[in-house]
Structure formats: C-alpha cells, structure tokens
Amino acid sequence: MRMTGAWRTPVRHVVLTASAILMAFPFYWLVMSALKTNDEIWQFPPSLWPENPLWGNFAEAWQAAPFAQYLFNSVFVAGMIVVLQFINSAMMGYALTHMKFRLKGAMTAMVLVCYMIPATAVYLPSYMILGKMGLIDSYAGLILTNCVSVFSIFLIRQAFLQVNHELIEAGQMDGASHMRILWTILVPLTRSSFAVLALITFIDQYNNYFWPMLITQSPHLQLVSAGLRSFFVEGGAYGLKWPLIMAASAFTIAPLLVLFALTQKLIIQSVNLTAGSSKG
C-alpha cells in the first residue's frame, strides 16, 4: 500500500524527529549523569533526571585536573593543523585539477595510493624523523606531523573538479596568477567543502589519542583525550567517581558542539551541492 502525499510529510517529520532524539539522547544522558550521585548512576531502573542536581560536580571535575591546559592544547594544535591543511590541500588540489604538468596523472594516482596506507604504518619512521629533528615532546612535532592529509587533498580535489574550468581560463586570460585564481575564484566557490574539511579535521585532531601519546611525555602537552584518560585513572579512581568523569567528558566535548553549530549551514550547503551535482 503506497503512502499518499498527505501522509508522507508528517511521517517523514516523525521519523526525523525520532532519529534526532535518539542521536541527542547520549549527550543528554551524559549531562544528567554528571549531575547525579554515584549511587543514582547505578540505581535500577535508571532515572532520567537527578533527584537533586549537583551542579558543583562540573566545578569539582574542572579543578581536579588541569582541563584548561588540556583544552587549550587540543584546540591550539587542532586549529593550527586545520589552517595548515587548508592551505596545503587548496594548493595541492589546484595543482591536480587546473594545472598542466608532467606526471600529473602519476601524482594523482600516488595520492590515491597513499590514501589506502594505514596511519599506523608510518608511525615508526615518523617517530625516528621527529627524533632526529628534535621535535619529540613539542607543539611543533604535534602540528607538523599532521599538517598534510591525503584525505583533505582528495576532498578538495573533488570539490575543485566541480568548478567549471572556463572560469580558470578566464582568470588566466585576464592575467591573474595561479595564487590569485586559487584564493579569489576557487576557494570562495568551494567554501562549503572547506568548512566540511575544517570540521572533520578539527574533530579528528581534537580527539587524536595514540600518536600524541607516542611523541609527548610532558603532562602539560597532553591533549584532551589523554588528559581525560589520566583523570579517569587518577582523579576518577578507575571509575569510582563516575559523576566527575561524566562532568569532565561533558565539558571536553563542548568545543566540538560549538564548532558544529557554527558550521552546520555550510555543511548543509555542501551536501546540497553534492546531491545536485550527482543528479546533474
């Protein structure tokens, strides 16, 4: 039995609303657990709201470990990596799409091949190179080892391929340099793809755990993932202080929620452009 047009829209809204609630529920449960006592967290059946919300758990968790330093490290490192990947991916994507040079096809194939190599396969040689450069246990080591991403190059290359090459030729006929064409024509036309790139890169680097733990030993260089684990082991007493652990987890994901709120319109635009191009 086919669904009539009158019912299709309400049913779609109900399904989307239910999906949104299911996706948001873990965040709600995280915050509510941070406001409970340890006994309330383990009671059965669980309650959706604490009997007496303990807002002081957030302040206690914040003071129990240097989370301000952890958050600064993660935001600073991830932000610098986003800027560098933005620049590198834009220039590389332009070269692979709108420039003519020898071995262009081979270089494109090499990018695709490198995309299939797992990141862990290059940890050892990268660590040895950083050691020889004296960049172990430093901000520079954390940033420079992630300033180029094959995924970012591939993403921007695909975005640049959707731009009409006649616009590039028109710019060249007007005497514009490659850099001017890139930053005044291509980047503005594909800004939604760059917003997606920034969001994905920031989240990936903000949550990065294994590689930063491998090349840093100083506590003041720990990123938020490693800092949260340290708090779980030390301040959280291996899970005996679950309300504080939940509170710490809640305010460590706050920057990601803010970033998503700021970029959601551009992300939706990117999705719409991709859908339109695939239909066309």
C-alpha atoms as a PDB file:
ATOM      1  CA  MET A   1       0.000   0.000   0.000  1.00  0.00           C
ATOM      2  CA  ARG A   2       1.528   3.265  -1.153  1.00  0.00           C
ATOM      3  CA  MET A   3       1.667   6.253   1.196  1.00  0.00           C
ATOM      4  CA  THR A   4      -0.349   9.236  -0.023  1.00  0.00           C
ATOM      5  CA  GLY A   5       1.189  12.681  -0.327  1.00  0.00           C
ATOM      6  CA  ALA A   6      -0.856  13.994   2.611  1.00  0.00           C
ATOM      7  CA  TRP A   7       0.743  11.478   4.989  1.00  0.00           C
ATOM      8  CA  ARG A   8       4.230  11.406   3.550  1.00  0.00           C
ATOM      9  CA  THR A   9       5.422  14.704   5.063  1.00  0.00           C
ATOM     10  CA  PRO A  10       4.109  14.109   8.632  1.00  0.00           C
ATOM     11  CA  VAL A  11       5.574  10.598   8.680  1.00  0.00           C
ATOM     12  CA  ARG A  12       8.904  11.933   7.468  1.00  0.00           C
ATOM     13  CA  HIS A  13       8.883  14.568  10.217  1.00  0.00           C
ATOM     14  CA  VAL A  14       8.099  11.947  12.848  1.00  0.00           C
ATOM     15  CA  VAL A  15      10.924   9.693  11.646  1.00  0.00           C
ATOM     16  CA  LEU A  16      13.416  12.569  11.542  1.00  0.00           C
ATOM     17  CA  THR A  17      12.350  13.789  14.989  1.00  0.00           C
ATOM     18  CA  ALA A  18      12.722  10.298  16.456  1.00  0.00           C
ATOM     19  CA  SER A  19      16.154   9.942  14.832  1.00  0.00           C
ATOM     20  CA  ALA A  20      17.250  13.321  16.233  1.00  0.00           C
ATOM     21  CA  ILE A  21      16.102  12.325  19.728  1.00  0.00           C
ATOM     22  CA  LEU A  22      17.996   9.031  19.520  1.00  0.00           C
ATOM     23  CA  MET A  23      21.166  10.815  18.431  1.00  0.00           C
ATOM     24  CA  ALA A  24      20.875  13.522  21.098  1.00  0.00           C
ATOM     25  CA  PHE A  25      19.983  11.152  23.937  1.00  0.00           C
ATOM     26  CA  PRO A  26      23.591  10.058  24.715  1.00  0.00           C
ATOM     27  CA  PHE A  27      24.568  13.714  25.241  1.00  0.00           C
ATOM     28  CA  TYR A  28      21.548  14.267  27.462  1.00  0.00           C
ATOM     29  CA  TRP A  29      22.396  11.137  29.465  1.00  0.00           C
ATOM     30  CA  LEU A  30      25.996  12.289  29.808  1.00  0.00           C
ATOM     31  CA  VAL A  31      24.987  15.641  31.290  1.00  0.00           C
ATOM     32  CA  MET A  32      22.320  14.145  33.543  1.00  0.00           C
ATOM     33  CA  SER A  33      24.781  11.563  34.860  1.00  0.00           C
ATOM     34  CA  ALA A  34      27.189  14.384  35.686  1.00  0.00           C
ATOM     35  CA  LEU A  35      24.503  15.885  37.921  1.00  0.00           C
ATOM     36  CA  LYS A  36      23.793  12.675  39.833  1.00  0.00           C
ATOM     37  CA  THR A  37      25.451  10.958  42.750  1.00  0.00           C
ATOM     38  CA  ASN A  38      27.401   7.763  42.222  1.00  0.00           C
ATOM     39  CA  ASP A  39      24.555   5.720  43.729  1.00  0.00           C
ATOM     40  CA  GLU A  40      21.986   7.327  41.424  1.00  0.00           C
ATOM     41  CA  ILE A  41      24.038   6.389  38.373  1.00  0.00           C
ATOM     42  CA  TRP A  42      23.989   2.725  39.339  1.00  0.00           C
ATOM     43  CA  GLN A  43      20.394   2.517  40.529  1.00  0.00           C
ATOM     44  CA  PHE A  44      17.888   0.383  38.617  1.00  0.00           C
ATOM     45  CA  PRO A  45      15.688   1.359  36.943  1.00  0.00           C
ATOM     46  CA  PRO A  46      17.731   4.422  35.990  1.00  0.00           C
ATOM     47  CA  SER A  47      16.165   7.857  36.335  1.00  0.00           C
ATOM     48  CA  LEU A  48      16.136  10.386  33.517  1.00  0.00           C
ATOM     49  CA  TRP A  49      16.601  13.298  35.924  1.00  0.00           C
ATOM     50  CA  PRO A  50      18.652  13.518  39.140  1.00  0.00           C
ATOM     51  CA  GLU A  51      16.729  13.931  42.370  1.00  0.00           C
ATOM     52  CA  ASN A  52      18.950  16.828  43.472  1.00  0.00           C
ATOM     53  CA  PRO A  53      21.104  18.116  40.582  1.00  0.00           C
ATOM     54  CA  LEU A  54      24.705  18.513  41.731  1.00  0.00           C
ATOM     55  CA  TRP A  55      25.941  21.371  39.548  1.00  0.00           C
ATOM     56  CA  GLY A  56      29.064  21.553  41.644  1.00  0.00           C
ATOM     57  CA  ASN A  57      30.292  18.328  40.030  1.00  0.00           C
ATOM     58  CA  PHE A  58      31.376  20.324  36.989  1.00  0.00           C
ATOM     59  CA  ALA A  59      33.451  22.745  39.060  1.00  0.00           C
ATOM     60  CA  GLU A  60      34.912  19.904  41.107  1.00  0.00           C
ATOM     61  CA  ALA A  61      35.909  17.965  37.991  1.00  0.00           C
ATOM     62  CA  TRP A  62      37.406  21.105  36.401  1.00  0.00           C
ATOM     63  CA  GLN A  63      39.570  21.731  39.457  1.00  0.00           C
ATOM     64  CA  ALA A  64      40.558  18.086  39.918  1.00  0.00           C
ATOM     65  CA  ALA A  65      42.773  18.098  36.812  1.00  0.00           C
ATOM     66  CA  PRO A  66      44.319  20.753  34.516  1.00  0.00           C
ATOM     67  CA  PHE A  67      41.497  20.571  31.988  1.00  0.00           C
ATOM     68  CA  ALA A  68      42.053  24.181  30.949  1.00  0.00           C
ATOM     69  CA  GLN A  69      45.535  23.182  29.735  1.00  0.00           C
ATOM     70  CA  TYR A  70      44.198  20.034  28.062  1.00  0.00           C
ATOM     71  CA  LEU A  71      41.532  22.015  26.208  1.00  0.00           C
ATOM     72  CA  PHE A  72      43.996  24.712  25.181  1.00  0.00           C
ATOM     73  CA  ASN A  73      46.422  22.103  23.844  1.00  0.00           C
ATOM     74  CA  SER A  74      43.752  20.324  21.823  1.00  0.00           C
ATOM     75  CA  VAL A  75      42.149  23.484  20.431  1.00  0.00           C
ATOM     76  CA  PHE A  76      45.517  25.091  19.618  1.00  0.00           C
ATOM     77  CA  VAL A  77      47.015  22.001  17.968  1.00  0.00           C
ATOM     78  CA  ALA A  78      43.829  21.114  16.085  1.00  0.00           C
ATOM     79  CA  GLY A  79      43.323  24.733  14.981  1.00  0.00           C
ATOM     80  CA  MET A  80      46.863  25.061  13.628  1.00  0.00           C
ATOM     81  CA  ILE A  81      46.539  21.750  11.799  1.00  0.00           C
ATOM     82  CA  VAL A  82      43.261  22.909  10.231  1.00  0.00           C
ATOM     83  CA  VAL A  83      44.930  26.105   8.943  1.00  0.00           C
ATOM     84  CA  LEU A  84      47.927  24.251   7.508  1.00  0.00           C
ATOM     85  CA  GLN A  85      45.802  21.526   5.926  1.00  0.00           C
ATOM     86  CA  PHE A  86      43.526  24.211   4.489  1.00  0.00           C
ATOM     87  CA  ILE A  87      46.480  25.860   2.726  1.00  0.00           C
ATOM     88  CA  ASN A  88      48.217  22.643   1.647  1.00  0.00           C
ATOM     89  CA  SER A  89      45.044  20.967   0.399  1.00  0.00           C
ATOM     90  CA  ALA A  90      43.978  24.046  -1.553  1.00  0.00           C
ATOM     91  CA  MET A  91      47.310  24.356  -3.347  1.00  0.00           C
ATOM     92  CA  MET A  92      47.627  20.628  -3.988  1.00  0.00           C
ATOM     93  CA  GLY A  93      44.037  20.337  -5.145  1.00  0.00           C
ATOM     94  CA  TYR A  94      44.526  23.235  -7.553  1.00  0.00           C
ATOM     95  CA  ALA A  95      47.661  21.675  -8.986  1.00  0.00           C
ATOM     96  CA  LEU A  96      45.954  18.324  -9.547  1.00  0.00           C
ATOM     97  CA  THR A  97      42.882  19.792 -11.227  1.00  0.00           C
ATOM     98  CA  HIS A  98      43.611  23.049 -13.043  1.00  0.00           C
ATOM     99  CA  MET A  99      47.330  22.972 -13.817  1.00  0.00           C
ATOM    100  CA  LYS A 100      49.146  21.141 -16.604  1.00  0.00           C
ATOM    101  CA  PHE A 101      52.491  19.492 -15.882  1.00  0.00           C
ATOM    102  CA  ARG A 102      54.285  16.223 -16.487  1.00  0.00           C
ATOM    103  CA  LEU A 103      53.426  13.196 -14.368  1.00  0.00           C
ATOM    104  CA  LYS A 104      50.190  14.831 -13.226  1.00  0.00           C
ATOM    105  CA  GLY A 105      48.342  11.533 -13.576  1.00  0.00           C
ATOM    106  CA  ALA A 106      51.084   9.681 -11.687  1.00  0.00           C
ATOM    107  CA  MET A 107      50.948  12.190  -8.845  1.00  0.00           C
ATOM    108  CA  THR A 108      47.166  11.864  -8.632  1.00  0.00           C
ATOM    109  CA  ALA A 109      47.497   8.090  -8.526  1.00  0.00           C
ATOM    110  CA  MET A 110      50.154   8.378  -5.809  1.00  0.00           C
ATOM    111  CA  VAL A 111      47.761  10.472  -3.688  1.00  0.00           C
ATOM    112  CA  LEU A 112      45.069   7.818  -4.048  1.00  0.00           C
ATOM    113  CA  VAL A 113      47.519   5.034  -3.177  1.00  0.00           C
ATOM    114  CA  CYS A 114      48.738   6.910  -0.099  1.00  0.00           C
ATOM    115  CA  TYR A 115      45.107   7.269   0.980  1.00  0.00           C
ATOM    116  CA  MET A 116      44.949   3.469   1.371  1.00  0.00           C
ATOM    117  CA  ILE A 117      48.015   3.271   3.642  1.00  0.00           C
ATOM    118  CA  PRO A 118      47.025   2.995   7.331  1.00  0.00           C
ATOM    119  CA  ALA A 119      48.311   5.801   9.520  1.00  0.00           C
ATOM    120  CA  THR A 120      49.876   3.369  11.977  1.00  0.00           C
ATOM    121  CA  ALA A 121      52.161   2.064   9.225  1.00  0.00           C
ATOM    122  CA  VAL A 122      54.135   5.316   9.215  1.00  0.00           C
ATOM    123  CA  TYR A 123      54.298   5.875  12.977  1.00  0.00           C
ATOM    124  CA  LEU A 124      57.768   4.339  13.380  1.00  0.00           C
ATOM    125  CA  PRO A 125      59.531   6.211  10.552  1.00  0.00           C
ATOM    126  CA  SER A 126      57.752   9.417  11.563  1.00  0.00           C
ATOM    127  CA  TYR A 127      58.905   8.997  15.150  1.00  0.00           C
ATOM    128  CA  MET A 128      62.510   8.435  14.017  1.00  0.00           C
ATOM    129  CA  ILE A 129      62.413  11.545  11.809  1.00  0.00           C
ATOM    130  CA  LEU A 130      60.984  13.657  14.624  1.00  0.00           C
ATOM    131  CA  GLY A 131      63.695  12.367  16.947  1.00  0.00           C
ATOM    132  CA  LYS A 132      66.440  13.407  14.555  1.00  0.00           C
ATOM    133  CA  MET A 133      64.837  16.839  14.143  1.00  0.00           C
ATOM    134  CA  GLY A 134      64.499  17.304  17.905  1.00  0.00           C
ATOM    135  CA  LEU A 135      60.722  17.726  17.721  1.00  0.00           C
ATOM    136  CA  ILE A 136      59.735  14.952  20.125  1.00  0.00           C
ATOM    137  CA  ASP A 137      57.623  16.234  23.021  1.00  0.00           C
ATOM    138  CA  SER A 138      56.797  19.593  21.447  1.00  0.00           C
ATOM    139  CA  TYR A 139      53.906  21.502  19.912  1.00  0.00           C
ATOM    140  CA  ALA A 140      55.820  21.655  16.632  1.00  0.00           C
ATOM    141  CA  GLY A 141      56.026  17.866  16.479  1.00  0.00           C
ATOM    142  CA  LEU A 142      52.298  17.503  17.087  1.00  0.00           C
ATOM    143  CA  ILE A 143      51.425  20.053  14.416  1.00  0.00           C
ATOM    144  CA  LEU A 144      53.944  19.376  11.641  1.00  0.00           C
ATOM    145  CA  THR A 145      53.303  15.628  11.569  1.00  0.00           C
ATOM    146  CA  ASN A 146      49.648  16.278  10.715  1.00  0.00           C
ATOM    147  CA  CYS A 147      49.885  19.382   8.534  1.00  0.00           C
ATOM    148  CA  VAL A 148      49.349  17.349   5.334  1.00  0.00           C
ATOM    149  CA  SER A 149      46.443  14.960   4.892  1.00  0.00           C
ATOM    150  CA  VAL A 150      45.785  12.750   1.891  1.00  0.00           C
ATOM    151  CA  PHE A 151      42.076  12.727   2.721  1.00  0.00           C
ATOM    152  CA  SER A 152      41.992  16.541   2.733  1.00  0.00           C
ATOM    153  CA  ILE A 153      43.761  16.707  -0.631  1.00  0.00           C
ATOM    154  CA  PHE A 154      41.347  14.194  -2.115  1.00  0.00           C
ATOM    155  CA  LEU A 155      38.311  16.037  -0.713  1.00  0.00           C
ATOM    156  CA  ILE A 156      39.372  19.428  -2.061  1.00  0.00           C
ATOM    157  CA  ARG A 157      40.421  17.918  -5.379  1.00  0.00           C
ATOM    158  CA  GLN A 158      36.906  16.528  -5.824  1.00  0.00           C
ATOM    159  CA  ALA A 159      35.436  19.932  -4.942  1.00  0.00           C
ATOM    160  CA  PHE A 160      37.689  21.734  -7.434  1.00  0.00           C
ATOM    161  CA  LEU A 161      36.711  19.275 -10.177  1.00  0.00           C
ATOM    162  CA  GLN A 162      33.138  20.535  -9.915  1.00  0.00           C
ATOM    163  CA  VAL A 163      34.215  24.099 -10.784  1.00  0.00           C
ATOM    164  CA  ASN A 164      33.943  24.940 -14.485  1.00  0.00           C
ATOM    165  CA  HIS A 165      37.445  25.130 -15.957  1.00  0.00           C
ATOM    166  CA  GLU A 166      36.312  28.034 -18.155  1.00  0.00           C
ATOM    167  CA  LEU A 167      36.356  30.253 -15.063  1.00  0.00           C
ATOM    168  CA  ILE A 168      40.013  29.373 -14.544  1.00  0.00           C
ATOM    169  CA  GLU A 169      40.807  30.068 -18.190  1.00  0.00           C
ATOM    170  CA  ALA A 170      39.037  33.411 -17.966  1.00  0.00           C
ATOM    171  CA  GLY A 171      41.142  34.355 -14.978  1.00  0.00           C
ATOM    172  CA  GLN A 172      44.313  33.333 -16.775  1.00  0.00           C
ATOM    173  CA  MET A 173      43.338  35.415 -19.831  1.00  0.00           C
ATOM    174  CA  ASP A 174      42.903  38.419 -17.538  1.00  0.00           C
ATOM    175  CA  GLY A 175      46.469  37.924 -16.323  1.00  0.00           C
ATOM    176  CA  ALA A 176      45.664  36.518 -12.892  1.00  0.00           C
ATOM    177  CA  SER A 177      48.346  34.391 -11.262  1.00  0.00           C
ATOM    178  CA  HIS A 178      47.743  30.850 -10.046  1.00  0.00           C
ATOM    179  CA  MET A 179      47.625  32.011  -6.436  1.00  0.00           C
ATOM    180  CA  ARG A 180      45.066  34.722  -7.224  1.00  0.00           C
ATOM    181  CA  ILE A 181      42.886  32.285  -9.155  1.00  0.00           C
ATOM    182  CA  LEU A 182      43.064  29.829  -6.295  1.00  0.00           C
ATOM    183  CA  TRP A 183      42.212  32.224  -3.465  1.00  0.00           C
ATOM    184  CA  THR A 184      39.780  34.571  -5.246  1.00  0.00           C
ATOM    185  CA  ILE A 185      37.895  32.138  -7.508  1.00  0.00           C
ATOM    186  CA  LEU A 186      38.213  28.510  -6.440  1.00  0.00           C
ATOM    187  CA  VAL A 187      38.220  28.810  -2.660  1.00  0.00           C
ATOM    188  CA  PRO A 188      35.145  31.105  -2.465  1.00  0.00           C
ATOM    189  CA  LEU A 189      33.210  28.849  -4.842  1.00  0.00           C
ATOM    190  CA  THR A 190      34.009  25.754  -2.761  1.00  0.00           C
ATOM    191  CA  ARG A 191      33.878  27.291   0.724  1.00  0.00           C
ATOM    192  CA  SER A 192      31.289  24.736   1.884  1.00  0.00           C
ATOM    193  CA  SER A 193      33.749  21.918   1.142  1.00  0.00           C
ATOM    194  CA  PHE A 194      36.430  23.749   3.089  1.00  0.00           C
ATOM    195  CA  ALA A 195      34.006  24.087   6.007  1.00  0.00           C
ATOM    196  CA  VAL A 196      33.472  20.322   5.945  1.00  0.00           C
ATOM    197  CA  LEU A 197      37.239  19.847   5.760  1.00  0.00           C
ATOM    198  CA  ALA A 198      37.769  22.125   8.752  1.00  0.00           C
ATOM    199  CA  LEU A 199      35.119  20.343  10.808  1.00  0.00           C
ATOM    200  CA  ILE A 200      36.343  16.827  10.029  1.00  0.00           C
ATOM    201  CA  THR A 201      40.000  17.743  10.567  1.00  0.00           C
ATOM    202  CA  PHE A 202      39.340  19.586  13.812  1.00  0.00           C
ATOM    203  CA  ILE A 203      37.293  16.730  15.270  1.00  0.00           C
ATOM    204  CA  ASP A 204      39.862  14.155  14.162  1.00  0.00           C
ATOM    205  CA  GLN A 205      42.801  16.047  15.660  1.00  0.00           C
ATOM    206  CA  TYR A 206      40.926  17.154  18.767  1.00  0.00           C
ATOM    207  CA  ASN A 207      40.140  13.520  19.564  1.00  0.00           C
ATOM    208  CA  ASN A 208      43.543  12.215  18.473  1.00  0.00           C
ATOM    209  CA  TYR A 209      44.983   9.942  21.140  1.00  0.00           C
ATOM    210  CA  PHE A 210      47.555   7.347  20.118  1.00  0.00           C
ATOM    211  CA  TRP A 211      50.021   9.461  18.099  1.00  0.00           C
ATOM    212  CA  PRO A 212      50.154  12.399  20.564  1.00  0.00           C
ATOM    213  CA  MET A 213      50.651   9.934  23.417  1.00  0.00           C
ATOM    214  CA  LEU A 214      53.512   8.353  21.479  1.00  0.00           C
ATOM    215  CA  ILE A 215      55.502  11.539  20.833  1.00  0.00           C
ATOM    216  CA  THR A 216      54.783  13.502  24.031  1.00  0.00           C
ATOM    217  CA  GLN A 217      55.799  12.754  27.591  1.00  0.00           C
ATOM    218  CA  SER A 218      55.239  16.078  29.353  1.00  0.00           C
ATOM    219  CA  PRO A 219      51.911  16.348  31.207  1.00  0.00           C
ATOM    220  CA  HIS A 220      51.494  19.977  30.082  1.00  0.00           C
ATOM    221  CA  LEU A 221      51.443  18.832  26.428  1.00  0.00           C
ATOM    222  CA  GLN A 222      48.685  16.266  26.851  1.00  0.00           C
ATOM    223  CA  LEU A 223      45.673  16.645  24.598  1.00  0.00           C
ATOM    224  CA  VAL A 224      42.176  16.333  25.940  1.00  0.00           C
ATOM    225  CA  SER A 225      41.791  12.602  25.148  1.00  0.00           C
ATOM    226  CA  ALA A 226      44.943  11.672  27.036  1.00  0.00           C
ATOM    227  CA  GLY A 227      44.071  14.102  29.821  1.00  0.00           C
ATOM    228  CA  LEU A 228      40.622  12.585  30.206  1.00  0.00           C
ATOM    229  CA  ARG A 229      42.136   9.121  30.442  1.00  0.00           C
ATOM    230  CA  SER A 230      44.585  10.334  33.082  1.00  0.00           C
ATOM    231  CA  PHE A 231      41.696  11.785  35.031  1.00  0.00           C
ATOM    232  CA  PHE A 232      39.797   8.506  34.742  1.00  0.00           C
ATOM    233  CA  VAL A 233      42.789   6.589  36.093  1.00  0.00           C
ATOM    234  CA  GLU A 234      43.878   9.069  38.758  1.00  0.00           C
ATOM    235  CA  GLY A 235      41.198  11.625  39.598  1.00  0.00           C
ATOM    236  CA  GLY A 236      38.368   9.291  38.649  1.00  0.00           C
ATOM    237  CA  ALA A 237      39.881   6.479  40.707  1.00  0.00           C
ATOM    238  CA  TYR A 238      39.305   3.907  37.942  1.00  0.00           C
ATOM    239  CA  GLY A 239      35.640   4.758  37.612  1.00  0.00           C
ATOM    240  CA  LEU A 240      34.772   5.136  41.300  1.00  0.00           C
ATOM    241  CA  LYS A 241      33.826   8.787  40.738  1.00  0.00           C
ATOM    242  CA  TRP A 242      31.543   8.451  37.759  1.00  0.00           C
ATOM    243  CA  PRO A 243      29.728  11.798  38.196  1.00  0.00           C
ATOM    244  CA  LEU A 244      33.047  13.654  37.939  1.00  0.00           C
ATOM    245  CA  ILE A 245      34.105  11.558  34.955  1.00  0.00           C
ATOM    246  CA  MET A 246      30.804  12.322  33.220  1.00  0.00           C
ATOM    247  CA  ALA A 247      31.186  16.032  34.013  1.00  0.00           C
ATOM    248  CA  ALA A 248      34.713  16.073  32.621  1.00  0.00           C
ATOM    249  CA  SER A 249      33.555  14.251  29.489  1.00  0.00           C
ATOM    250  CA  ALA A 250      30.731  16.750  29.050  1.00  0.00           C
ATOM    251  CA  PHE A 251      32.836  19.901  29.021  1.00  0.00           C
ATOM    252  CA  THR A 252      35.574  18.331  26.899  1.00  0.00           C
ATOM    253  CA  ILE A 253      33.144  17.786  24.006  1.00  0.00           C
ATOM    254  CA  ALA A 254      31.727  21.314  24.300  1.00  0.00           C
ATOM    255  CA  PRO A 255      34.175  22.848  21.746  1.00  0.00           C
ATOM    256  CA  LEU A 256      33.116  20.253  19.170  1.00  0.00           C
ATOM    257  CA  LEU A 257      29.427  21.089  19.645  1.00  0.00           C
ATOM    258  CA  VAL A 258      30.181  24.799  19.283  1.00  0.00           C
ATOM    259  CA  LEU A 259      32.180  24.170  16.114  1.00  0.00           C
ATOM    260  CA  PHE A 260      29.398  22.092  14.611  1.00  0.00           C
ATOM    261  CA  ALA A 261      26.822  24.775  15.443  1.00  0.00           C
ATOM    262  CA  LEU A 262      28.945  27.388  13.651  1.00  0.00           C
ATOM    263  CA  THR A 263      29.497  25.311  10.507  1.00  0.00           C
ATOM    264  CA  GLN A 264      26.218  23.424  10.121  1.00  0.00           C
ATOM    265  CA  LYS A 265      24.814  25.796   7.464  1.00  0.00           C
ATOM    266  CA  LEU A 266      27.903  25.428   5.282  1.00  0.00           C
ATOM    267  CA  ILE A 267      27.811  21.647   5.758  1.00  0.00           C
ATOM    268  CA  ILE A 268      24.192  21.525   4.602  1.00  0.00           C
ATOM    269  CA  GLN A 269      25.134  23.652   1.593  1.00  0.00           C
ATOM    270  CA  SER A 270      27.930  21.223   0.750  1.00  0.00           C
ATOM    271  CA  VAL A 271      25.558  18.261   0.958  1.00  0.00           C
ATOM    272  CA  ASN A 272      23.019  20.022  -1.261  1.00  0.00           C
ATOM    273  CA  LEU A 273      25.686  20.922  -3.824  1.00  0.00           C
ATOM    274  CA  THR A 274      26.961  17.345  -3.891  1.00  0.00           C
ATOM    275  CA  ALA A 275      23.447  15.979  -4.313  1.00  0.00           C
ATOM    276  CA  GLY A 276      22.713  18.467  -7.080  1.00  0.00           C
ATOM    277  CA  SER A 277      25.896  17.650  -8.953  1.00  0.00           C
ATOM    278  CA  SER A 278      25.221  13.906  -8.747  1.00  0.00           C
ATOM    279  CA  LYS A 279      21.718  14.408 -10.171  1.00  0.00           C
ATOM    280  CA  GLY A 280      23.043  16.620 -12.901  1.00  0.00           C
END
